[in-house]
């Protein structure tokens, strides 16, 4: 039985370590854009959406930064403990909740960008098209295709899209063993302790072979017995740091795109 004093002692170590974390990139400022003091009625919706959506983006990005710092501090605290049971208790009590949220945030932030820009560009397009119609899909139906359609007329969109492509991409999914998808739909990889995926079922598919071979092989099922190693906490911190850097760069391009719109709409 782990006594409360154990957790208190560990948390004191954590507070000491977190003060020594040197995270080179500063939080994103909430002073994001300069809007005119007087706004005509036709642009009120645009400005309100820009303020609300961009604030939420900054909240989420800075939240990811905080969680990375916390996880890095806990990775240092873990190094003080050799007893596996004690390390496991620290993981369950303090580390795992942070890790789960942090691993989901890049995908969430990616979709925040999609939602925000789909709405903002749709409203800004009012100045581009004399016959503009309010034909944006319902919120639940907004996706990457929507963002492309509504934002493609703005010249800074290509730069944004390039940096956007690095967020929660195939590399990140591979490094985290598709944690986000498996956490919501299957069984995810563990952090620091515990094997997962002891048995894996795969349905055999033939892509480019003669039809008679496809008919013979398609549908065959194989079972693989093994297991997926957990992600070491210090490795997870580095993976998340890389994502954070990519997200910050993407937000800068988001700002450039919005500033292009503000300049065309308000002459700012």
C-alpha atoms as a PDB file:
ATOM      1  CA  UNK A   1       0.000   0.000   0.000  1.00  0.00           C
ATOM      2  CA  UNK A   2       1.458   3.328  -1.104  1.00  0.00           C
ATOM      3  CA  UNK A   3       1.210   5.978   1.605  1.00  0.00           C
ATOM      4  CA  UNK A   4       0.101   9.567   0.885  1.00  0.00           C
ATOM      5  CA  UNK A   5       3.523  10.801   1.964  1.00  0.00           C
ATOM      6  CA  UNK A   6       4.992   9.058  -1.081  1.00  0.00           C
ATOM      7  CA  UNK A   7       2.851  11.114  -3.460  1.00  0.00           C
ATOM      8  CA  UNK A   8       3.540  14.333  -1.559  1.00  0.00           C
ATOM      9  CA  UNK A   9       7.290  13.722  -1.690  1.00  0.00           C
ATOM     10  CA  UNK A  10       7.120  12.966  -5.422  1.00  0.00           C
ATOM     11  CA  UNK A  11       5.070  16.095  -6.104  1.00  0.00           C
ATOM     12  CA  UNK A  12       7.589  18.255  -4.242  1.00  0.00           C
ATOM     13  CA  UNK A  13      10.306  16.805  -6.497  1.00  0.00           C
ATOM     14  CA  UNK A  14       8.121  17.560  -9.510  1.00  0.00           C
ATOM     15  CA  UNK A  15       7.669  21.200  -8.486  1.00  0.00           C
ATOM     16  CA  UNK A  16      11.432  21.595  -8.145  1.00  0.00           C
ATOM     17  CA  UNK A  17      12.056  20.019 -11.556  1.00  0.00           C
ATOM     18  CA  UNK A  18       9.412  22.024 -13.399  1.00  0.00           C
ATOM     19  CA  UNK A  19      11.083  25.273 -12.322  1.00  0.00           C
ATOM     20  CA  UNK A  20      14.262  24.135 -14.079  1.00  0.00           C
ATOM     21  CA  UNK A  21      12.649  23.224 -17.405  1.00  0.00           C
ATOM     22  CA  UNK A  22      14.007  25.513 -20.115  1.00  0.00           C
ATOM     23  CA  UNK A  23      11.403  25.517 -22.884  1.00  0.00           C
ATOM     24  CA  UNK A  24      12.885  27.643 -25.644  1.00  0.00           C
ATOM     25  CA  UNK A  25       9.639  28.633 -27.374  1.00  0.00           C
ATOM     26  CA  UNK A  26       7.503  31.131 -25.474  1.00  0.00           C
ATOM     27  CA  UNK A  27       3.709  30.819 -25.201  1.00  0.00           C
ATOM     28  CA  UNK A  28       1.718  32.359 -28.035  1.00  0.00           C
ATOM     29  CA  UNK A  29       0.533  35.858 -27.199  1.00  0.00           C
ATOM     30  CA  UNK A  30      -3.172  36.628 -26.942  1.00  0.00           C
ATOM     31  CA  UNK A  31      -2.520  39.896 -28.811  1.00  0.00           C
ATOM     32  CA  UNK A  32      -2.981  38.256 -32.173  1.00  0.00           C
ATOM     33  CA  UNK A  33      -4.542  40.775 -34.539  1.00  0.00           C
ATOM     34  CA  UNK A  34      -5.311  44.482 -34.784  1.00  0.00           C
ATOM     35  CA  UNK A  35      -8.962  45.131 -35.547  1.00  0.00           C
ATOM     36  CA  UNK A  36     -10.479  48.531 -36.316  1.00  0.00           C
ATOM     37  CA  UNK A  37     -12.234  50.344 -33.478  1.00  0.00           C
ATOM     38  CA  UNK A  38     -15.327  50.851 -35.632  1.00  0.00           C
ATOM     39  CA  UNK A  39     -16.721  47.943 -37.633  1.00  0.00           C
ATOM     40  CA  UNK A  40     -19.588  48.085 -40.111  1.00  0.00           C
ATOM     41  CA  UNK A  41     -22.441  45.642 -39.626  1.00  0.00           C
ATOM     42  CA  UNK A  42     -21.443  43.372 -42.504  1.00  0.00           C
ATOM     43  CA  UNK A  43     -18.107  42.521 -40.821  1.00  0.00           C
ATOM     44  CA  UNK A  44     -19.279  42.022 -37.229  1.00  0.00           C
ATOM     45  CA  UNK A  45     -19.671  38.261 -37.681  1.00  0.00           C
ATOM     46  CA  UNK A  46     -16.214  37.969 -39.243  1.00  0.00           C
ATOM     47  CA  UNK A  47     -14.540  39.898 -36.401  1.00  0.00           C
ATOM     48  CA  UNK A  48     -16.390  38.041 -33.651  1.00  0.00           C
ATOM     49  CA  UNK A  49     -15.519  34.671 -35.169  1.00  0.00           C
ATOM     50  CA  UNK A  50     -11.896  35.690 -35.630  1.00  0.00           C
ATOM     51  CA  UNK A  51     -11.627  36.788 -31.991  1.00  0.00           C
ATOM     52  CA  UNK A  52     -13.331  33.701 -30.559  1.00  0.00           C
ATOM     53  CA  UNK A  53     -11.785  31.041 -32.795  1.00  0.00           C
ATOM     54  CA  UNK A  54      -8.237  32.401 -32.641  1.00  0.00           C
ATOM     55  CA  UNK A  55      -8.454  32.723 -28.845  1.00  0.00           C
ATOM     56  CA  UNK A  56      -9.445  29.069 -28.583  1.00  0.00           C
ATOM     57  CA  UNK A  57      -6.562  28.089 -30.842  1.00  0.00           C
ATOM     58  CA  UNK A  58      -4.110  29.981 -28.651  1.00  0.00           C
ATOM     59  CA  UNK A  59      -5.603  28.361 -25.538  1.00  0.00           C
ATOM     60  CA  UNK A  60      -5.151  24.879 -26.978  1.00  0.00           C
ATOM     61  CA  UNK A  61      -1.644  25.469 -28.317  1.00  0.00           C
ATOM     62  CA  UNK A  62      -0.468  26.950 -25.025  1.00  0.00           C
ATOM     63  CA  UNK A  63      -2.144  24.102 -23.187  1.00  0.00           C
ATOM     64  CA  UNK A  64      -0.083  21.627 -25.198  1.00  0.00           C
ATOM     65  CA  UNK A  65       3.036  23.580 -24.243  1.00  0.00           C
ATOM     66  CA  UNK A  66       2.140  23.387 -20.541  1.00  0.00           C
ATOM     67  CA  UNK A  67       1.518  19.648 -20.721  1.00  0.00           C
ATOM     68  CA  UNK A  68       4.839  19.043 -22.457  1.00  0.00           C
ATOM     69  CA  UNK A  69       6.648  20.947 -19.690  1.00  0.00           C
ATOM     70  CA  UNK A  70       4.774  18.971 -17.023  1.00  0.00           C
ATOM     71  CA  UNK A  71       5.576  15.656 -18.715  1.00  0.00           C
ATOM     72  CA  UNK A  72       9.241  16.568 -19.047  1.00  0.00           C
ATOM     73  CA  UNK A  73       9.387  17.408 -15.328  1.00  0.00           C
ATOM     74  CA  UNK A  74       7.748  14.096 -14.444  1.00  0.00           C
ATOM     75  CA  UNK A  75      10.184  12.200 -16.670  1.00  0.00           C
ATOM     76  CA  UNK A  76      12.986  13.641 -14.534  1.00  0.00           C
ATOM     77  CA  UNK A  77      11.161  12.714 -11.324  1.00  0.00           C
ATOM     78  CA  UNK A  78      10.771   9.121 -12.528  1.00  0.00           C
ATOM     79  CA  UNK A  79      14.543   8.826 -12.778  1.00  0.00           C
ATOM     80  CA  UNK A  80      14.727   9.145  -8.968  1.00  0.00           C
ATOM     81  CA  UNK A  81      12.744   5.944  -8.533  1.00  0.00           C
ATOM     82  CA  UNK A  82      14.012   2.460  -9.354  1.00  0.00           C
ATOM     83  CA  UNK A  83      11.203   0.478  -7.761  1.00  0.00           C
ATOM     84  CA  UNK A  84       8.812  -0.498 -10.554  1.00  0.00           C
ATOM     85  CA  UNK A  85       5.732  -0.418  -8.338  1.00  0.00           C
ATOM     86  CA  UNK A  86       6.493   3.127  -7.209  1.00  0.00           C
ATOM     87  CA  UNK A  87       7.088   4.245 -10.792  1.00  0.00           C
ATOM     88  CA  UNK A  88       3.802   2.672 -11.831  1.00  0.00           C
ATOM     89  CA  UNK A  89       1.919   4.516  -9.094  1.00  0.00           C
ATOM     90  CA  UNK A  90       3.426   7.830 -10.214  1.00  0.00           C
ATOM     91  CA  UNK A  91       2.422   7.053 -13.780  1.00  0.00           C
ATOM     92  CA  UNK A  92      -1.184   6.304 -12.862  1.00  0.00           C
ATOM     93  CA  UNK A  93      -1.558   9.179 -10.386  1.00  0.00           C
ATOM     94  CA  UNK A  94       0.184  12.019 -12.229  1.00  0.00           C
ATOM     95  CA  UNK A  95       1.593  11.185 -15.656  1.00  0.00           C
ATOM     96  CA  UNK A  96      -0.939   9.138 -17.621  1.00  0.00           C
ATOM     97  CA  UNK A  97      -3.774  11.743 -17.540  1.00  0.00           C
ATOM     98  CA  UNK A  98      -1.386  14.407 -18.885  1.00  0.00           C
ATOM     99  CA  UNK A  99      -0.003  12.071 -21.538  1.00  0.00           C
ATOM    100  CA  UNK A 100      -3.450  11.051 -22.819  1.00  0.00           C
ATOM    101  CA  UNK A 101      -4.574  14.657 -23.277  1.00  0.00           C
ATOM    102  CA  UNK A 102      -1.238  15.744 -24.785  1.00  0.00           C
ATOM    103  CA  UNK A 103      -1.284  12.913 -27.319  1.00  0.00           C
ATOM    104  CA  UNK A 104      -4.787  13.902 -28.442  1.00  0.00           C
ATOM    105  CA  UNK A 105      -4.126  17.646 -28.649  1.00  0.00           C
ATOM    106  CA  UNK A 106      -2.226  17.788 -31.994  1.00  0.00           C
ATOM    107  CA  UNK A 107      -5.183  16.166 -33.773  1.00  0.00           C
ATOM    108  CA  UNK A 108      -7.645  18.420 -31.919  1.00  0.00           C
ATOM    109  CA  UNK A 109      -5.634  21.540 -32.809  1.00  0.00           C
ATOM    110  CA  UNK A 110      -5.460  20.437 -36.424  1.00  0.00           C
ATOM    111  CA  UNK A 111      -9.228  20.307 -36.553  1.00  0.00           C
ATOM    112  CA  UNK A 112      -9.506  23.654 -34.752  1.00  0.00           C
ATOM    113  CA  UNK A 113      -7.544  25.162 -37.648  1.00  0.00           C
ATOM    114  CA  UNK A 114      -9.938  23.552 -40.133  1.00  0.00           C
ATOM    115  CA  UNK A 115     -13.029  24.782 -38.313  1.00  0.00           C
ATOM    116  CA  UNK A 116     -11.681  28.280 -37.711  1.00  0.00           C
ATOM    117  CA  UNK A 117     -10.392  28.968 -41.215  1.00  0.00           C
ATOM    118  CA  UNK A 118     -13.431  27.450 -42.913  1.00  0.00           C
ATOM    119  CA  UNK A 119     -15.642  29.972 -41.113  1.00  0.00           C
ATOM    120  CA  UNK A 120     -13.259  32.941 -41.301  1.00  0.00           C
ATOM    121  CA  UNK A 121     -12.399  32.524 -44.980  1.00  0.00           C
ATOM    122  CA  UNK A 122     -16.050  31.954 -45.817  1.00  0.00           C
ATOM    123  CA  UNK A 123     -16.920  35.302 -44.224  1.00  0.00           C
ATOM    124  CA  UNK A 124     -13.908  37.076 -45.761  1.00  0.00           C
ATOM    125  CA  UNK A 125     -14.841  35.801 -49.214  1.00  0.00           C
ATOM    126  CA  UNK A 126     -17.695  38.286 -49.106  1.00  0.00           C
ATOM    127  CA  UNK A 127     -15.193  40.892 -50.327  1.00  0.00           C
ATOM    128  CA  UNK A 128     -13.907  38.625 -53.109  1.00  0.00           C
ATOM    129  CA  UNK A 129     -17.192  37.591 -54.691  1.00  0.00           C
ATOM    130  CA  UNK A 130     -20.023  40.053 -55.497  1.00  0.00           C
ATOM    131  CA  UNK A 131     -22.465  37.137 -55.653  1.00  0.00           C
ATOM    132  CA  UNK A 132     -21.276  35.623 -52.350  1.00  0.00           C
ATOM    133  CA  UNK A 133     -23.780  33.262 -50.763  1.00  0.00           C
ATOM    134  CA  UNK A 134     -23.858  31.996 -47.186  1.00  0.00           C
ATOM    135  CA  UNK A 135     -23.526  28.366 -48.222  1.00  0.00           C
ATOM    136  CA  UNK A 136     -21.092  27.007 -45.616  1.00  0.00           C
ATOM    137  CA  UNK A 137     -22.013  23.487 -44.430  1.00  0.00           C
ATOM    138  CA  UNK A 138     -23.308  22.950 -40.898  1.00  0.00           C
ATOM    139  CA  UNK A 139     -20.568  22.910 -38.265  1.00  0.00           C
ATOM    140  CA  UNK A 140     -20.648  19.128 -37.865  1.00  0.00           C
ATOM    141  CA  UNK A 141     -20.016  18.706 -41.601  1.00  0.00           C
ATOM    142  CA  UNK A 142     -17.027  21.075 -41.892  1.00  0.00           C
ATOM    143  CA  UNK A 143     -13.876  19.214 -42.902  1.00  0.00           C
ATOM    144  CA  UNK A 144     -10.582  19.581 -44.753  1.00  0.00           C
ATOM    145  CA  UNK A 145     -12.368  19.780 -48.104  1.00  0.00           C
ATOM    146  CA  UNK A 146     -14.439  22.700 -46.775  1.00  0.00           C
ATOM    147  CA  UNK A 147     -11.340  24.581 -45.673  1.00  0.00           C
ATOM    148  CA  UNK A 148      -9.656  24.059 -49.060  1.00  0.00           C
ATOM    149  CA  UNK A 149     -12.722  25.264 -50.923  1.00  0.00           C
ATOM    150  CA  UNK A 150     -13.207  28.406 -48.820  1.00  0.00           C
ATOM    151  CA  UNK A 151      -9.560  29.420 -48.383  1.00  0.00           C
ATOM    152  CA  UNK A 152      -7.967  28.678 -51.750  1.00  0.00           C
ATOM    153  CA  UNK A 153      -8.598  32.199 -53.090  1.00  0.00           C
ATOM    154  CA  UNK A 154      -6.220  33.730 -50.508  1.00  0.00           C
ATOM    155  CA  UNK A 155      -2.570  33.770 -51.554  1.00  0.00           C
ATOM    156  CA  UNK A 156      -1.180  32.953 -48.085  1.00  0.00           C
ATOM    157  CA  UNK A 157      -3.258  29.782 -47.886  1.00  0.00           C
ATOM    158  CA  UNK A 158      -0.645  27.664 -49.675  1.00  0.00           C
ATOM    159  CA  UNK A 159       1.996  28.515 -47.079  1.00  0.00           C
ATOM    160  CA  UNK A 160      -0.471  27.746 -44.303  1.00  0.00           C
ATOM    161  CA  UNK A 161      -1.427  24.422 -45.891  1.00  0.00           C
ATOM    162  CA  UNK A 162       2.230  23.365 -46.132  1.00  0.00           C
ATOM    163  CA  UNK A 163       2.827  23.880 -42.407  1.00  0.00           C
ATOM    164  CA  UNK A 164      -0.601  22.460 -41.589  1.00  0.00           C
ATOM    165  CA  UNK A 165       0.390  19.181 -43.270  1.00  0.00           C
ATOM    166  CA  UNK A 166       2.999  18.506 -40.544  1.00  0.00           C
ATOM    167  CA  UNK A 167       0.459  18.470 -37.714  1.00  0.00           C
ATOM    168  CA  UNK A 168      -0.722  15.034 -36.536  1.00  0.00           C
ATOM    169  CA  UNK A 169       0.677  13.641 -39.793  1.00  0.00           C
ATOM    170  CA  UNK A 170       1.743  10.113 -40.740  1.00  0.00           C
ATOM    171  CA  UNK A 171       5.127  10.558 -39.033  1.00  0.00           C
ATOM    172  CA  UNK A 172       3.490  11.539 -35.753  1.00  0.00           C
ATOM    173  CA  UNK A 173       0.991   8.686 -36.010  1.00  0.00           C
ATOM    174  CA  UNK A 174       3.771   6.198 -36.656  1.00  0.00           C
ATOM    175  CA  UNK A 175       5.894   7.488 -33.764  1.00  0.00           C
ATOM    176  CA  UNK A 176       2.938   7.235 -31.377  1.00  0.00           C
ATOM    177  CA  UNK A 177       1.637   3.936 -32.784  1.00  0.00           C
ATOM    178  CA  UNK A 178      -1.559   5.698 -33.879  1.00  0.00           C
ATOM    179  CA  UNK A 179      -2.359   6.489 -30.248  1.00  0.00           C
ATOM    180  CA  UNK A 180      -5.172   8.963 -30.922  1.00  0.00           C
ATOM    181  CA  UNK A 181      -7.080   6.652 -33.254  1.00  0.00           C
ATOM    182  CA  UNK A 182      -6.547   3.540 -31.136  1.00  0.00           C
ATOM    183  CA  UNK A 183      -7.420   5.364 -27.910  1.00  0.00           C
ATOM    184  CA  UNK A 184     -10.850   6.256 -29.309  1.00  0.00           C
ATOM    185  CA  UNK A 185     -11.529   3.169 -31.405  1.00  0.00           C
ATOM    186  CA  UNK A 186      -9.304   0.263 -30.318  1.00  0.00           C
ATOM    187  CA  UNK A 187      -6.600  -0.271 -27.663  1.00  0.00           C
ATOM    188  CA  UNK A 188      -3.780   2.296 -27.623  1.00  0.00           C
ATOM    189  CA  UNK A 189      -0.103   1.880 -26.892  1.00  0.00           C
ATOM    190  CA  UNK A 190       0.885   2.457 -23.262  1.00  0.00           C
ATOM    191  CA  UNK A 191       3.225   5.131 -21.938  1.00  0.00           C
ATOM    192  CA  UNK A 192       6.333   3.967 -20.048  1.00  0.00           C
ATOM    193  CA  UNK A 193       4.846   0.677 -18.781  1.00  0.00           C
ATOM    194  CA  UNK A 194       2.894  -2.207 -20.246  1.00  0.00           C
ATOM    195  CA  UNK A 195       2.690  -4.153 -23.492  1.00  0.00           C
ATOM    196  CA  UNK A 196      -0.437  -3.855 -25.634  1.00  0.00           C
ATOM    197  CA  UNK A 197      -1.728  -5.493 -28.792  1.00  0.00           C
ATOM    198  CA  UNK A 198      -0.833  -9.070 -27.911  1.00  0.00           C
ATOM    199  CA  UNK A 199      -2.821 -10.418 -30.841  1.00  0.00           C
ATOM    200  CA  UNK A 200      -3.537  -8.659 -34.125  1.00  0.00           C
ATOM    201  CA  UNK A 201      -6.032  -9.733 -36.775  1.00  0.00           C
ATOM    202  CA  UNK A 202      -5.472  -8.734 -40.396  1.00  0.00           C
ATOM    203  CA  UNK A 203      -7.548  -9.487 -43.448  1.00  0.00           C
ATOM    204  CA  UNK A 204      -5.414 -10.323 -46.460  1.00  0.00           C
ATOM    205  CA  UNK A 205      -5.753  -8.133 -49.542  1.00  0.00           C
ATOM    206  CA  UNK A 206      -4.124  -8.432 -52.944  1.00  0.00           C
ATOM    207  CA  UNK A 207      -3.613  -5.089 -54.665  1.00  0.00           C
ATOM    208  CA  UNK A 208      -2.094  -5.757 -58.071  1.00  0.00           C
ATOM    209  CA  UNK A 209      -2.219  -9.367 -59.159  1.00  0.00           C
ATOM    210  CA  UNK A 210      -4.161 -11.443 -61.632  1.00  0.00           C
ATOM    211  CA  UNK A 211      -7.855 -11.758 -60.985  1.00  0.00           C
ATOM    212  CA  UNK A 212      -7.796 -15.493 -60.290  1.00  0.00           C
ATOM    213  CA  UNK A 213      -5.154 -14.942 -57.590  1.00  0.00           C
ATOM    214  CA  UNK A 214      -7.172 -12.105 -56.086  1.00  0.00           C
ATOM    215  CA  UNK A 215     -10.199 -14.347 -55.872  1.00  0.00           C
ATOM    216  CA  UNK A 216      -8.137 -17.046 -54.220  1.00  0.00           C
ATOM    217  CA  UNK A 217      -6.292 -14.855 -51.697  1.00  0.00           C
ATOM    218  CA  UNK A 218      -8.709 -12.034 -50.855  1.00  0.00           C
ATOM    219  CA  UNK A 219     -10.486 -12.580 -47.566  1.00  0.00           C
ATOM    220  CA  UNK A 220      -7.779 -14.774 -46.024  1.00  0.00           C
ATOM    221  CA  UNK A 221      -7.248 -13.811 -42.393  1.00  0.00           C
ATOM    222  CA  UNK A 222      -3.985 -13.874 -40.473  1.00  0.00           C
ATOM    223  CA  UNK A 223      -3.372 -13.534 -36.730  1.00  0.00           C
ATOM    224  CA  UNK A 224      -0.123 -12.124 -35.376  1.00  0.00           C
ATOM    225  CA  UNK A 225       0.856 -12.776 -31.768  1.00  0.00           C
ATOM    226  CA  UNK A 226       3.370 -10.458 -30.165  1.00  0.00           C
ATOM    227  CA  UNK A 227       2.915  -7.101 -28.476  1.00  0.00           C
ATOM    228  CA  UNK A 228       3.606  -3.391 -28.814  1.00  0.00           C
ATOM    229  CA  UNK A 229       6.210  -1.843 -26.542  1.00  0.00           C
ATOM    230  CA  UNK A 230       5.192   1.236 -24.528  1.00  0.00           C
ATOM    231  CA  UNK A 231       6.396   4.703 -25.507  1.00  0.00           C
ATOM    232  CA  UNK A 232       9.134   5.818 -23.086  1.00  0.00           C
ATOM    233  CA  UNK A 233       8.124   9.061 -21.427  1.00  0.00           C
ATOM    234  CA  UNK A 234      11.285  10.947 -22.434  1.00  0.00           C
ATOM    235  CA  UNK A 235      10.739   9.880 -26.051  1.00  0.00           C
ATOM    236  CA  UNK A 236       7.113  11.014 -25.888  1.00  0.00           C
ATOM    237  CA  UNK A 237       8.226  14.442 -24.656  1.00  0.00           C
ATOM    238  CA  UNK A 238      10.510  14.852 -27.682  1.00  0.00           C
ATOM    239  CA  UNK A 239       7.768  13.731 -30.082  1.00  0.00           C
ATOM    240  CA  UNK A 240       5.349  16.268 -28.588  1.00  0.00           C
ATOM    241  CA  UNK A 241       7.965  19.035 -28.646  1.00  0.00           C
ATOM    242  CA  UNK A 242       8.424  18.472 -32.369  1.00  0.00           C
ATOM    243  CA  UNK A 243       4.671  18.681 -32.892  1.00  0.00           C
ATOM    244  CA  UNK A 244       4.458  21.842 -30.825  1.00  0.00           C
ATOM    245  CA  UNK A 245       7.117  23.539 -32.960  1.00  0.00           C
ATOM    246  CA  UNK A 246       5.209  22.547 -36.109  1.00  0.00           C
ATOM    247  CA  UNK A 247       1.944  23.854 -34.642  1.00  0.00           C
ATOM    248  CA  UNK A 248       3.490  27.205 -33.683  1.00  0.00           C
ATOM    249  CA  UNK A 249       4.863  27.612 -37.217  1.00  0.00           C
ATOM    250  CA  UNK A 250       1.434  26.783 -38.603  1.00  0.00           C
ATOM    251  CA  UNK A 251      -0.183  29.379 -36.340  1.00  0.00           C
ATOM    252  CA  UNK A 252       2.200  32.020 -37.723  1.00  0.00           C
ATOM    253  CA  UNK A 253       0.945  31.208 -41.222  1.00  0.00           C
ATOM    254  CA  UNK A 254      -2.612  31.327 -39.912  1.00  0.00           C
ATOM    255  CA  UNK A 255      -1.840  34.863 -38.705  1.00  0.00           C
ATOM    256  CA  UNK A 256      -0.362  35.788 -42.096  1.00  0.00           C
ATOM    257  CA  UNK A 257      -3.488  34.562 -43.852  1.00  0.00           C
ATOM    258  CA  UNK A 258      -5.774  36.492 -41.502  1.00  0.00           C
ATOM    259  CA  UNK A 259      -3.645  39.639 -41.830  1.00  0.00           C
ATOM    260  CA  UNK A 260      -3.988  39.348 -45.608  1.00  0.00           C
ATOM    261  CA  UNK A 261      -7.754  39.368 -45.147  1.00  0.00           C
ATOM    262  CA  UNK A 262      -7.686  42.260 -42.678  1.00  0.00           C
ATOM    263  CA  UNK A 263      -5.616  44.281 -45.088  1.00  0.00           C
ATOM    264  CA  UNK A 264      -8.039  43.678 -47.944  1.00  0.00           C
ATOM    265  CA  UNK A 265     -11.185  44.218 -45.853  1.00  0.00           C
ATOM    266  CA  UNK A 266     -10.143  47.096 -43.603  1.00  0.00           C
ATOM    267  CA  UNK A 267      -6.880  48.336 -45.126  1.00  0.00           C
ATOM    268  CA  UNK A 268      -4.974  47.430 -41.949  1.00  0.00           C
END
